[in-house]
């Protein structure tokens, strides 16, 4: 059984370091083990195509806790 110290994925949160706007893409990329640029482009594409990117980003910004330094 995984515990907090040996969890297979890091805890979802918005890091202070490496953020451009609110750290949503940086935190989600760490959780998904992706490059943050990939998620930033995905948010931009979703915003351009349907406007959902802004809503998803705002929701993650509100509901994802900020990680301590």
N, C-alpha and C. Protein backbone atom coordinates (compact mmCIF):
# COMPACT_ATOMS: atom_id res chain seq x y z
N UNK A 1 0.83 -1.18 0.00
CA UNK A 1 0.00 0.00 0.00
C UNK A 1 0.88 1.25 0.00
N UNK A 2 0.70 2.14 -0.98
CA UNK A 2 1.53 3.34 -1.02
C UNK A 2 1.20 4.31 0.11
N UNK A 3 2.22 4.90 0.64
CA UNK A 3 2.05 5.95 1.65
C UNK A 3 2.48 7.27 1.02
N UNK A 4 2.38 8.34 1.81
CA UNK A 4 2.73 9.66 1.27
C UNK A 4 4.19 9.72 0.86
N UNK A 5 5.06 9.00 1.56
CA UNK A 5 6.49 9.08 1.25
C UNK A 5 6.88 8.25 0.04
N UNK A 6 6.16 7.18 -0.27
CA UNK A 6 6.52 6.36 -1.43
C UNK A 6 5.39 6.28 -2.45
N UNK A 7 4.61 7.33 -2.55
CA UNK A 7 3.49 7.37 -3.49
C UNK A 7 4.03 7.28 -4.92
N UNK A 8 3.32 6.58 -5.81
CA UNK A 8 3.81 6.44 -7.17
C UNK A 8 3.81 7.75 -7.95
N UNK A 9 2.96 8.69 -7.58
CA UNK A 9 2.91 10.00 -8.24
C UNK A 9 3.02 11.08 -7.18
N UNK A 10 3.63 12.21 -7.52
CA UNK A 10 3.69 13.30 -6.53
C UNK A 10 2.30 13.87 -6.28
N UNK A 11 2.15 14.51 -5.16
CA UNK A 11 0.88 15.12 -4.78
C UNK A 11 0.55 16.26 -5.74
N UNK A 12 -0.71 16.34 -6.16
CA UNK A 12 -1.14 17.40 -7.06
C UNK A 12 -1.19 18.71 -6.30
N UNK A 13 -0.47 19.68 -6.80
CA UNK A 13 -0.44 21.00 -6.18
C UNK A 13 0.20 21.98 -7.13
N UNK A 14 0.11 23.25 -6.79
CA UNK A 14 0.68 24.30 -7.62
C UNK A 14 1.99 24.76 -6.99
N UNK A 15 3.14 24.39 -7.58
CA UNK A 15 4.42 24.77 -7.00
C UNK A 15 4.69 26.26 -7.16
N UNK A 16 5.46 26.79 -6.25
CA UNK A 16 5.83 28.20 -6.31
C UNK A 16 6.89 28.42 -7.38
N UNK A 17 7.82 27.48 -7.48
CA UNK A 17 8.92 27.61 -8.44
C UNK A 17 8.51 27.01 -9.79
N UNK A 18 8.86 27.69 -10.87
CA UNK A 18 8.61 27.18 -12.20
C UNK A 18 7.26 27.57 -12.77
N UNK A 19 6.51 28.37 -12.06
CA UNK A 19 5.19 28.74 -12.56
C UNK A 19 5.29 29.97 -13.45
N UNK A 20 4.40 30.03 -14.43
CA UNK A 20 4.31 31.21 -15.28
C UNK A 20 3.15 32.10 -14.85
N UNK A 21 2.00 31.50 -14.62
CA UNK A 21 0.85 32.29 -14.18
C UNK A 21 0.46 31.88 -12.76
N UNK A 22 -0.12 30.71 -12.62
CA UNK A 22 -0.56 30.25 -11.30
C UNK A 22 0.08 28.92 -10.90
N UNK A 23 0.82 28.30 -11.79
CA UNK A 23 1.45 27.03 -11.48
C UNK A 23 0.59 25.82 -11.76
N UNK A 24 -0.56 26.02 -12.39
CA UNK A 24 -1.47 24.91 -12.66
C UNK A 24 -0.82 23.90 -13.62
N UNK A 25 -0.29 24.37 -14.72
CA UNK A 25 0.32 23.47 -15.69
C UNK A 25 1.56 22.79 -15.11
N UNK A 26 2.33 23.51 -14.34
CA UNK A 26 3.53 22.94 -13.72
C UNK A 26 3.16 21.82 -12.75
N UNK A 27 2.15 22.04 -11.92
CA UNK A 27 1.73 21.02 -10.95
C UNK A 27 1.09 19.82 -11.62
N UNK A 28 0.24 20.07 -12.61
CA UNK A 28 -0.41 18.96 -13.31
C UNK A 28 0.60 18.17 -14.12
N UNK A 29 1.58 18.84 -14.69
CA UNK A 29 2.62 18.14 -15.46
C UNK A 29 3.45 17.24 -14.55
N UNK A 30 3.74 17.70 -13.35
CA UNK A 30 4.48 16.86 -12.40
C UNK A 30 3.65 15.64 -12.02
N UNK A 31 2.36 15.84 -11.83
CA UNK A 31 1.46 14.74 -11.48
C UNK A 31 1.39 13.71 -12.61
N UNK A 32 1.32 14.19 -13.85
CA UNK A 32 1.18 13.31 -15.01
C UNK A 32 2.52 12.89 -15.60
N UNK A 33 3.59 13.41 -15.05
CA UNK A 33 4.95 13.13 -15.53
C UNK A 33 5.11 13.53 -17.00
N UNK A 34 4.68 14.75 -17.29
CA UNK A 34 4.80 15.33 -18.63
C UNK A 34 5.59 16.63 -18.56
N UNK A 35 5.96 17.13 -19.73
CA UNK A 35 6.59 18.43 -19.81
C UNK A 35 5.49 19.49 -19.63
N UNK A 36 5.72 20.51 -18.80
CA UNK A 36 4.70 21.53 -18.58
C UNK A 36 4.29 22.26 -19.87
N UNK A 37 5.20 22.35 -20.83
CA UNK A 37 4.88 23.01 -22.09
C UNK A 37 3.75 22.29 -22.81
N UNK A 38 3.71 20.97 -22.70
CA UNK A 38 2.65 20.18 -23.34
C UNK A 38 1.29 20.58 -22.76
N UNK A 39 1.20 20.70 -21.46
CA UNK A 39 -0.08 21.09 -20.84
C UNK A 39 -0.43 22.54 -21.12
N UNK A 40 0.57 23.41 -21.15
CA UNK A 40 0.29 24.81 -21.48
C UNK A 40 -0.27 24.92 -22.89
N UNK A 41 0.31 24.17 -23.82
CA UNK A 41 -0.21 24.18 -25.20
C UNK A 41 -1.61 23.58 -25.26
N UNK A 42 -1.87 22.55 -24.47
CA UNK A 42 -3.20 21.94 -24.44
C UNK A 42 -4.24 22.94 -23.91
N UNK A 43 -3.89 23.68 -22.85
CA UNK A 43 -4.80 24.69 -22.33
C UNK A 43 -5.06 25.77 -23.38
N UNK A 44 -4.02 26.18 -24.10
CA UNK A 44 -4.18 27.20 -25.14
C UNK A 44 -5.06 26.68 -26.27
N UNK A 45 -4.83 25.45 -26.69
CA UNK A 45 -5.62 24.87 -27.77
C UNK A 45 -7.09 24.74 -27.37
N UNK A 46 -7.34 24.27 -26.16
CA UNK A 46 -8.72 24.16 -25.69
C UNK A 46 -9.39 25.53 -25.58
N UNK A 47 -8.61 26.54 -25.23
CA UNK A 47 -9.17 27.89 -25.15
C UNK A 47 -9.53 28.42 -26.53
N UNK A 48 -8.66 28.21 -27.49
CA UNK A 48 -8.90 28.71 -28.84
C UNK A 48 -10.07 27.97 -29.50
N UNK A 49 -10.11 26.65 -29.34
CA UNK A 49 -11.12 25.84 -30.02
C UNK A 49 -12.50 26.03 -29.40
N UNK A 50 -12.59 25.94 -28.07
CA UNK A 50 -13.92 25.96 -27.47
C UNK A 50 -14.07 26.85 -26.25
N UNK A 51 -13.00 27.41 -25.76
CA UNK A 51 -13.08 28.24 -24.56
C UNK A 51 -13.04 27.45 -23.27
N UNK A 52 -13.01 26.14 -23.36
CA UNK A 52 -13.00 25.28 -22.17
C UNK A 52 -11.67 25.38 -21.42
N UNK A 53 -10.60 25.70 -22.13
CA UNK A 53 -9.29 25.79 -21.49
C UNK A 53 -9.25 26.81 -20.37
N UNK A 54 -9.88 27.96 -20.57
CA UNK A 54 -9.91 28.99 -19.54
C UNK A 54 -10.69 28.51 -18.32
N UNK A 55 -11.80 27.85 -18.56
CA UNK A 55 -12.63 27.34 -17.45
C UNK A 55 -11.88 26.25 -16.69
N UNK A 56 -11.24 25.34 -17.41
CA UNK A 56 -10.49 24.26 -16.76
C UNK A 56 -9.31 24.81 -15.97
N UNK A 57 -8.60 25.78 -16.55
CA UNK A 57 -7.46 26.38 -15.86
C UNK A 57 -7.92 27.09 -14.59
N UNK A 58 -9.00 27.85 -14.71
CA UNK A 58 -9.51 28.58 -13.54
C UNK A 58 -9.98 27.62 -12.45
N UNK A 59 -10.64 26.54 -12.84
CA UNK A 59 -11.09 25.56 -11.85
C UNK A 59 -9.91 24.90 -11.15
N UNK A 60 -8.89 24.54 -11.91
CA UNK A 60 -7.70 23.94 -11.29
C UNK A 60 -6.98 24.95 -10.40
N UNK A 61 -6.97 26.20 -10.81
CA UNK A 61 -6.33 27.26 -10.02
C UNK A 61 -7.04 27.38 -8.66
N UNK A 62 -8.35 27.34 -8.69
CA UNK A 62 -9.13 27.50 -7.45
C UNK A 62 -9.04 26.27 -6.54
N UNK A 63 -9.14 25.09 -7.13
CA UNK A 63 -9.26 23.87 -6.32
C UNK A 63 -7.96 23.13 -6.04
N UNK A 64 -6.87 23.53 -6.69
CA UNK A 64 -5.58 22.88 -6.44
C UNK A 64 -4.80 23.70 -5.42
N UNK A 65 -4.36 23.08 -4.33
CA UNK A 65 -3.65 23.83 -3.30
C UNK A 65 -2.26 24.24 -3.76
N UNK A 66 -1.82 25.36 -3.25
CA UNK A 66 -0.46 25.84 -3.52
C UNK A 66 0.50 25.06 -2.61
N UNK A 67 1.58 24.57 -3.20
CA UNK A 67 2.55 23.79 -2.42
C UNK A 67 3.52 24.73 -1.71
N UNK A 68 3.97 24.34 -0.52
CA UNK A 68 4.96 25.17 0.17
C UNK A 68 6.31 25.12 -0.55
N UNK A 69 7.16 26.07 -0.23
CA UNK A 69 8.49 26.15 -0.88
C UNK A 69 9.20 24.89 -0.70
